[in-house]
Amino acid sequence: DTGGSTYYSDSVKGRFTISRDNAKITVY
């Protein structure tokens, strides 16, 4: 919820990045 922790599957780790902007209520 705070963006402080992330988890990735092995299939995408190192290639994909998840992030969120709570002010824009959007996740990328």
PDB file of all heavy atoms in Angstrom:
ATOM      1  N   ASP A   1       0.810  -1.221   0.000  1.00  0.00           N
ATOM      2  CA  ASP A   1       0.000   0.000   0.000  1.00  0.00           C
ATOM      3  C   ASP A   1       0.844   1.271   0.000  1.00  0.00           C
ATOM      4  O   ASP A   1       0.487   2.266  -0.638  1.00  0.00           O
ATOM      5  CB  ASP A   1      -0.959  -0.003   1.188  1.00  0.00           C
ATOM      6  CG  ASP A   1      -0.255  -0.119   2.535  1.00  0.00           C
ATOM      7  OD1 ASP A   1       0.847  -0.711   2.583  1.00  0.00           O
ATOM      8  OD2 ASP A   1      -0.807   0.365   3.534  1.00  0.00           O
ATOM      9  N   THR A   2       1.976   1.234   0.676  1.00  0.00           N
ATOM     10  CA  THR A   2       2.839   2.422   0.730  1.00  0.00           C
ATOM     11  C   THR A   2       3.828   2.472  -0.429  1.00  0.00           C
ATOM     12  O   THR A   2       4.486   3.488  -0.639  1.00  0.00           O
ATOM     13  CB  THR A   2       3.642   2.425   2.030  1.00  0.00           C
ATOM     14  OG1 THR A   2       4.501   1.285   2.043  1.00  0.00           O
ATOM     15  CG2 THR A   2       2.725   2.404   3.241  1.00  0.00           C
ATOM     16  N   GLY A   3       3.943   1.385  -1.157  1.00  0.00           N
ATOM     17  CA  GLY A   3       4.954   1.296  -2.207  1.00  0.00           C
ATOM     18  C   GLY A   3       6.316   0.880  -1.704  1.00  0.00           C
ATOM     19  O   GLY A   3       7.263   0.789  -2.482  1.00  0.00           O
ATOM     20  N   GLY A   4       6.413   0.599  -0.421  1.00  0.00           N
ATOM     21  CA  GLY A   4       7.699   0.296   0.160  1.00  0.00           C
ATOM     22  C   GLY A   4       8.202  -1.111  -0.073  1.00  0.00           C
ATOM     23  O   GLY A   4       9.390  -1.391   0.074  1.00  0.00           O
ATOM     24  N   SER A   5       7.289  -2.010  -0.447  1.00  0.00           N
ATOM     25  CA  SER A   5       7.678  -3.403  -0.689  1.00  0.00           C
ATOM     26  C   SER A   5       7.134  -3.859  -2.026  1.00  0.00           C
ATOM     27  O   SER A   5       6.018  -3.496  -2.404  1.00  0.00           O
ATOM     28  CB  SER A   5       7.129  -4.308   0.411  1.00  0.00           C
ATOM     29  OG  SER A   5       7.653  -3.957   1.665  1.00  0.00           O
ATOM     30  N   THR A   6       7.943  -4.665  -2.698  1.00  0.00           N
ATOM     31  CA  THR A   6       7.525  -5.223  -3.981  1.00  0.00           C
ATOM     32  C   THR A   6       7.850  -6.706  -4.023  1.00  0.00           C
ATOM     33  O   THR A   6       8.727  -7.187  -3.309  1.00  0.00           O
ATOM     34  CB  THR A   6       8.213  -4.527  -5.170  1.00  0.00           C
ATOM     35  OG1 THR A   6       9.636  -4.606  -4.997  1.00  0.00           O
ATOM     36  CG2 THR A   6       7.792  -3.072  -5.269  1.00  0.00           C
ATOM     37  N   TYR A   7       7.133  -7.393  -4.878  1.00  0.00           N
ATOM     38  CA  TYR A   7       7.361  -8.821  -5.107  1.00  0.00           C
ATOM     39  C   TYR A   7       7.268  -9.054  -6.603  1.00  0.00           C
ATOM     40  O   TYR A   7       6.380  -8.527  -7.271  1.00  0.00           O
ATOM     41  CB  TYR A   7       6.301  -9.646  -4.381  1.00  0.00           C
ATOM     42  CG  TYR A   7       6.354 -11.113  -4.709  1.00  0.00           C
ATOM     43  CD1 TYR A   7       7.146 -11.977  -3.960  1.00  0.00           C
ATOM     44  CD2 TYR A   7       5.630 -11.646  -5.786  1.00  0.00           C
ATOM     45  CE1 TYR A   7       7.218 -13.329  -4.277  1.00  0.00           C
ATOM     46  CE2 TYR A   7       5.703 -12.985  -6.095  1.00  0.00           C
ATOM     47  CZ  TYR A   7       6.492 -13.830  -5.324  1.00  0.00           C
ATOM     48  OH  TYR A   7       6.561 -15.154  -5.644  1.00  0.00           O
ATOM     49  N   TYR A   8       8.188  -9.867  -7.133  1.00  0.00           N
ATOM     50  CA  TYR A   8       8.195 -10.207  -8.555  1.00  0.00           C
ATOM     51  C   TYR A   8       8.292 -11.702  -8.730  1.00  0.00           C
ATOM     52  O   TYR A   8       8.994 -12.383  -7.982  1.00  0.00           O
ATOM     53  CB  TYR A   8       9.373  -9.551  -9.270  1.00  0.00           C
ATOM     54  CG  TYR A   8       9.333  -8.042  -9.277  1.00  0.00           C
ATOM     55  CD1 TYR A   8      10.012  -7.304  -8.318  1.00  0.00           C
ATOM     56  CD2 TYR A   8       8.617  -7.357 -10.255  1.00  0.00           C
ATOM     57  CE1 TYR A   8       9.972  -5.912  -8.319  1.00  0.00           C
ATOM     58  CE2 TYR A   8       8.577  -5.966 -10.264  1.00  0.00           C
ATOM     59  CZ  TYR A   8       9.253  -5.261  -9.293  1.00  0.00           C
ATOM     60  OH  TYR A   8       9.205  -3.884  -9.302  1.00  0.00           O
ATOM     61  N   SER A   9       7.614 -12.190  -9.751  1.00  0.00           N
ATOM     62  CA  SER A   9       7.793 -13.588 -10.112  1.00  0.00           C
ATOM     63  C   SER A   9       9.147 -13.751 -10.782  1.00  0.00           C
ATOM     64  O   SER A   9       9.713 -12.794 -11.335  1.00  0.00           O
ATOM     65  CB  SER A   9       6.684 -14.037 -11.054  1.00  0.00           C
ATOM     66  OG  SER A   9       6.799 -13.370 -12.302  1.00  0.00           O
ATOM     67  N   ASP A  10       9.651 -14.947 -10.762  1.00  0.00           N
ATOM     68  CA  ASP A  10      10.950 -15.211 -11.389  1.00  0.00           C
ATOM     69  C   ASP A  10      10.914 -14.923 -12.888  1.00  0.00           C
ATOM     70  O   ASP A  10      11.936 -14.569 -13.476  1.00  0.00           O
ATOM     71  CB  ASP A  10      11.364 -16.665 -11.150  1.00  0.00           C
ATOM     72  CG  ASP A  10      11.754 -16.923  -9.711  1.00  0.00           C
ATOM     73  OD1 ASP A  10      12.041 -15.955  -8.974  1.00  0.00           O
ATOM     74  OD2 ASP A  10      11.770 -18.105  -9.311  1.00  0.00           O
ATOM     75  N   SER A  11       9.757 -15.081 -13.484  1.00  0.00           N
ATOM     76  CA  SER A  11       9.654 -14.919 -14.937  1.00  0.00           C
ATOM     77  C   SER A  11       9.860 -13.472 -15.393  1.00  0.00           C
ATOM     78  O   SER A  11      10.176 -13.232 -16.559  1.00  0.00           O
ATOM     79  CB  SER A  11       8.289 -15.415 -15.424  1.00  0.00           C
ATOM     80  OG  SER A  11       7.245 -14.675 -14.811  1.00  0.00           O
ATOM     81  N   VAL A  12       9.681 -12.497 -14.491  1.00  0.00           N
ATOM     82  CA  VAL A  12       9.812 -11.098 -14.899  1.00  0.00           C
ATOM     83  C   VAL A  12      10.861 -10.336 -14.087  1.00  0.00           C
ATOM     84  O   VAL A  12      11.168  -9.180 -14.409  1.00  0.00           O
ATOM     85  CB  VAL A  12       8.469 -10.343 -14.811  1.00  0.00           C
ATOM     86  CG1 VAL A  12       7.400 -11.073 -15.603  1.00  0.00           C
ATOM     87  CG2 VAL A  12       8.034 -10.145 -13.371  1.00  0.00           C
ATOM     88  N   LYS A  13      11.394 -10.963 -13.065  1.00  0.00           N
ATOM     89  CA  LYS A  13      12.338 -10.278 -12.177  1.00  0.00           C
ATOM     90  C   LYS A  13      13.521  -9.748 -12.982  1.00  0.00           C
ATOM     91  O   LYS A  13      14.098 -10.463 -13.803  1.00  0.00           O
ATOM     92  CB  LYS A  13      12.814 -11.244 -11.101  1.00  0.00           C
ATOM     93  CG  LYS A  13      13.504 -10.588  -9.923  1.00  0.00           C
ATOM     94  CD  LYS A  13      13.828 -11.633  -8.857  1.00  0.00           C
ATOM     95  CE  LYS A  13      12.585 -12.277  -8.289  1.00  0.00           C
ATOM     96  NZ  LYS A  13      12.902 -13.265  -7.226  1.00  0.00           N
ATOM     97  N   GLY A  14      13.848  -8.494 -12.755  1.00  0.00           N
ATOM     98  CA  GLY A  14      14.959  -7.875 -13.460  1.00  0.00           C
ATOM     99  C   GLY A  14      14.560  -7.215 -14.772  1.00  0.00           C
ATOM    100  O   GLY A  14      15.349  -6.452 -15.352  1.00  0.00           O
ATOM    101  N   ARG A  15      13.365  -7.495 -15.255  1.00  0.00           N
ATOM    102  CA  ARG A  15      12.894  -6.897 -16.518  1.00  0.00           C
ATOM    103  C   ARG A  15      11.709  -5.961 -16.304  1.00  0.00           C
ATOM    104  O   ARG A  15      11.566  -4.972 -17.022  1.00  0.00           O
ATOM    105  CB  ARG A  15      12.488  -7.988 -17.505  1.00  0.00           C
ATOM    106  CG  ARG A  15      13.610  -8.945 -17.874  1.00  0.00           C
ATOM    107  CD  ARG A  15      13.184  -9.877 -19.006  1.00  0.00           C
ATOM    108  NE  ARG A  15      12.055 -10.736 -18.614  1.00  0.00           N
ATOM    109  CZ  ARG A  15      10.903 -10.793 -19.277  1.00  0.00           C
ATOM    110  NH1 ARG A  15      10.702 -10.036 -20.350  1.00  0.00           N
ATOM    111  NH2 ARG A  15       9.934 -11.611 -18.856  1.00  0.00           N
ATOM    112  N   PHE A  16      10.861  -6.282 -15.351  1.00  0.00           N
ATOM    113  CA  PHE A  16       9.657  -5.493 -15.094  1.00  0.00           C
ATOM    114  C   PHE A  16       9.799  -4.753 -13.767  1.00  0.00           C
ATOM    115  O   PHE A  16      10.436  -5.247 -12.832  1.00  0.00           O
ATOM    116  CB  PHE A  16       8.422  -6.394 -15.004  1.00  0.00           C
ATOM    117  CG  PHE A  16       8.002  -7.043 -16.297  1.00  0.00           C
ATOM    118  CD1 PHE A  16       8.788  -6.999 -17.439  1.00  0.00           C
ATOM    119  CD2 PHE A  16       6.798  -7.735 -16.364  1.00  0.00           C
ATOM    120  CE1 PHE A  16       8.396  -7.593 -18.615  1.00  0.00           C
ATOM    121  CE2 PHE A  16       6.378  -8.334 -17.529  1.00  0.00           C
ATOM    122  CZ  PHE A  16       7.184  -8.271 -18.653  1.00  0.00           C
ATOM    123  N   THR A  17       9.162  -3.576 -13.700  1.00  0.00           N
ATOM    124  CA  THR A  17       9.166  -2.795 -12.474  1.00  0.00           C
ATOM    125  C   THR A  17       7.764  -2.301 -12.180  1.00  0.00           C
ATOM    126  O   THR A  17       7.136  -1.672 -13.045  1.00  0.00           O
ATOM    127  CB  THR A  17      10.113  -1.587 -12.588  1.00  0.00           C
ATOM    128  OG1 THR A  17      11.433  -2.037 -12.887  1.00  0.00           O
ATOM    129  CG2 THR A  17      10.144  -0.808 -11.276  1.00  0.00           C
ATOM    130  N   ILE A  18       7.288  -2.573 -10.976  1.00  0.00           N
ATOM    131  CA  ILE A  18       5.991  -2.086 -10.548  1.00  0.00           C
ATOM    132  C   ILE A  18       6.194  -0.849  -9.674  1.00  0.00           C
ATOM    133  O   ILE A  18       7.130  -0.781  -8.878  1.00  0.00           O
ATOM    134  CB  ILE A  18       5.192  -3.177  -9.792  1.00  0.00           C
ATOM    135  CG1 ILE A  18       3.765  -2.716  -9.509  1.00  0.00           C
ATOM    136  CG2 ILE A  18       5.910  -3.605  -8.514  1.00  0.00           C
ATOM    137  CD1 ILE A  18       2.864  -3.823  -8.952  1.00  0.00           C
ATOM    138  N   SER A  19       5.317   0.123  -9.843  1.00  0.00           N
ATOM    139  CA  SER A  19       5.367   1.330  -9.020  1.00  0.00           C
ATOM    140  C   SER A  19       3.947   1.867  -8.884  1.00  0.00           C
ATOM    141  O   SER A  19       3.057   1.465  -9.621  1.00  0.00           O
ATOM    142  CB  SER A  19       6.286   2.388  -9.643  1.00  0.00           C
ATOM    143  OG  SER A  19       5.816   2.775 -10.923  1.00  0.00           O
ATOM    144  N   ARG A  20       3.763   2.763  -7.940  1.00  0.00           N
ATOM    145  CA  ARG A  20       2.444   3.336  -7.740  1.00  0.00           C
ATOM    146  C   ARG A  20       2.567   4.810  -7.387  1.00  0.00           C
ATOM    147  O   ARG A  20       3.540   5.235  -6.779  1.00  0.00           O
ATOM    148  CB  ARG A  20       1.669   2.589  -6.665  1.00  0.00           C
ATOM    149  CG  ARG A  20       2.242   2.668  -5.275  1.00  0.00           C
ATOM    150  CD  ARG A  20       1.531   1.702  -4.328  1.00  0.00           C
ATOM    151  NE  ARG A  20       0.155   2.109  -4.064  1.00  0.00           N
ATOM    152  CZ  ARG A  20      -0.746   1.321  -3.482  1.00  0.00           C
ATOM    153  NH1 ARG A  20      -0.423   0.084  -3.152  1.00  0.00           N
ATOM    154  NH2 ARG A  20      -1.969   1.767  -3.238  1.00  0.00           N
ATOM    155  N   ASP A  21       1.555   5.547  -7.782  1.00  0.00           N
ATOM    156  CA  ASP A  21       1.447   6.962  -7.441  1.00  0.00           C
ATOM    157  C   ASP A  21       0.090   7.125  -6.760  1.00  0.00           C
ATOM    158  O   ASP A  21      -0.944   7.206  -7.437  1.00  0.00           O
ATOM    159  CB  ASP A  21       1.545   7.819  -8.710  1.00  0.00           C
ATOM    160  CG  ASP A  21       1.568   9.309  -8.407  1.00  0.00           C
ATOM    161  OD1 ASP A  21       1.062   9.717  -7.350  1.00  0.00           O
ATOM    162  OD2 ASP A  21       2.066  10.066  -9.253  1.00  0.00           O
ATOM    163  N   ASN A  22       0.088   7.156  -5.448  1.00  0.00           N
ATOM    164  CA  ASN A  22      -1.179   7.215  -4.713  1.00  0.00           C
ATOM    165  C   ASN A  22      -1.926   8.519  -4.961  1.00  0.00           C
ATOM    166  O   ASN A  22      -3.156   8.548  -4.927  1.00  0.00           O
ATOM    167  CB  ASN A  22      -0.941   6.994  -3.231  1.00  0.00           C
ATOM    168  CG  ASN A  22      -0.694   5.536  -2.890  1.00  0.00           C
ATOM    169  OD1 ASN A  22      -0.885   4.653  -3.736  1.00  0.00           O
ATOM    170  ND2 ASN A  22      -0.245   5.263  -1.683  1.00  0.00           N
ATOM    171  N   ALA A  23      -1.198   9.578  -5.219  1.00  0.00           N
ATOM    172  CA  ALA A  23      -1.860  10.855  -5.504  1.00  0.00           C
ATOM    173  C   ALA A  23      -2.665  10.784  -6.792  1.00  0.00           C
ATOM    174  O   ALA A  23      -3.702  11.428  -6.934  1.00  0.00           O
ATOM    175  CB  ALA A  23      -0.829  11.970  -5.578  1.00  0.00           C
ATOM    176  N   LYS A  24      -2.171   9.991  -7.730  1.00  0.00           N
ATOM    177  CA  LYS A  24      -2.864   9.818  -9.017  1.00  0.00           C
ATOM    178  C   LYS A  24      -3.706   8.549  -9.039  1.00  0.00           C
ATOM    179  O   LYS A  24      -4.276   8.227 -10.086  1.00  0.00           O
ATOM    180  CB  LYS A  24      -1.852   9.776 -10.168  1.00  0.00           C
ATOM    181  CG  LYS A  24      -1.081  11.070 -10.359  1.00  0.00           C
ATOM    182  CD  LYS A  24      -0.123  10.971 -11.542  1.00  0.00           C
ATOM    183  CE  LYS A  24       0.609  12.280 -11.742  1.00  0.00           C
ATOM    184  NZ  LYS A  24       1.574  12.201 -12.880  1.00  0.00           N
ATOM    185  N   ILE A  25      -3.760   7.859  -7.889  1.00  0.00           N
ATOM    186  CA  ILE A  25      -4.481   6.583  -7.765  1.00  0.00           C
ATOM    187  C   ILE A  25      -4.208   5.680  -8.965  1.00  0.00           C
ATOM    188  O   ILE A  25      -5.123   5.087  -9.564  1.00  0.00           O
ATOM    189  CB  ILE A  25      -6.003   6.767  -7.517  1.00  0.00           C
ATOM    190  CG1 ILE A  25      -6.658   7.666  -8.541  1.00  0.00           C
ATOM    191  CG2 ILE A  25      -6.213   7.300  -6.116  1.00  0.00           C
ATOM    192  CD1 ILE A  25      -8.189   7.710  -8.381  1.00  0.00           C
ATOM    193  N   THR A  26      -2.925   5.544  -9.278  1.00  0.00           N
ATOM    194  CA  THR A  26      -2.500   4.776 -10.447  1.00  0.00           C
ATOM    195  C   THR A  26      -1.318   3.904 -10.078  1.00  0.00           C
ATOM    196  O   THR A  26      -0.440   4.316  -9.313  1.00  0.00           O
ATOM    197  CB  THR A  26      -2.124   5.722 -11.599  1.00  0.00           C
ATOM    198  OG1 THR A  26      -3.270   6.504 -11.961  1.00  0.00           O
ATOM    199  CG2 THR A  26      -1.657   4.933 -12.818  1.00  0.00           C
ATOM    200  N   VAL A  27      -1.305   2.703 -10.631  1.00  0.00           N
ATOM    201  CA  VAL A  27      -0.159   1.820 -10.503  1.00  0.00           C
ATOM    202  C   VAL A  27       0.374   1.552 -11.902  1.00  0.00           C
ATOM    203  O   VAL A  27      -0.392   1.499 -12.868  1.00  0.00           O
ATOM    204  CB  VAL A  27      -0.537   0.506  -9.784  1.00  0.00           C
ATOM    205  CG1 VAL A  27      -1.568  -0.283 -10.572  1.00  0.00           C
ATOM    206  CG2 VAL A  27       0.686  -0.339  -9.508  1.00  0.00           C
ATOM    207  N   TYR A  28       1.685   1.407 -12.001  1.00  0.00           N
ATOM    208  CA  TYR A  28       2.335   1.229 -13.289  1.00  0.00           C
ATOM    209  C   TYR A  28       3.092  -0.091 -13.328  1.00  0.00           C
ATOM    210  O   TYR A  28       3.525  -0.613 -12.302  1.00  0.00           O
ATOM    211  CB  TYR A  28       3.331   2.365 -13.540  1.00  0.00           C
ATOM    212  CG  TYR A  28       2.719   3.740 -13.455  1.00  0.00           C
ATOM    213  CD1 TYR A  28       2.833   4.500 -12.286  1.00  0.00           C
ATOM    214  CD2 TYR A  28       2.026   4.288 -14.530  1.00  0.00           C
ATOM    215  CE1 TYR A  28       2.277   5.764 -12.197  1.00  0.00           C
ATOM    216  CE2 TYR A  28       1.465   5.553 -14.444  1.00  0.00           C
ATOM    217  CZ  TYR A  28       1.584   6.279 -13.276  1.00  0.00           C
ATOM    218  OH  TYR A  28       1.022   7.540 -13.186  1.00  0.00           O
TER     219      TYR A  28
END
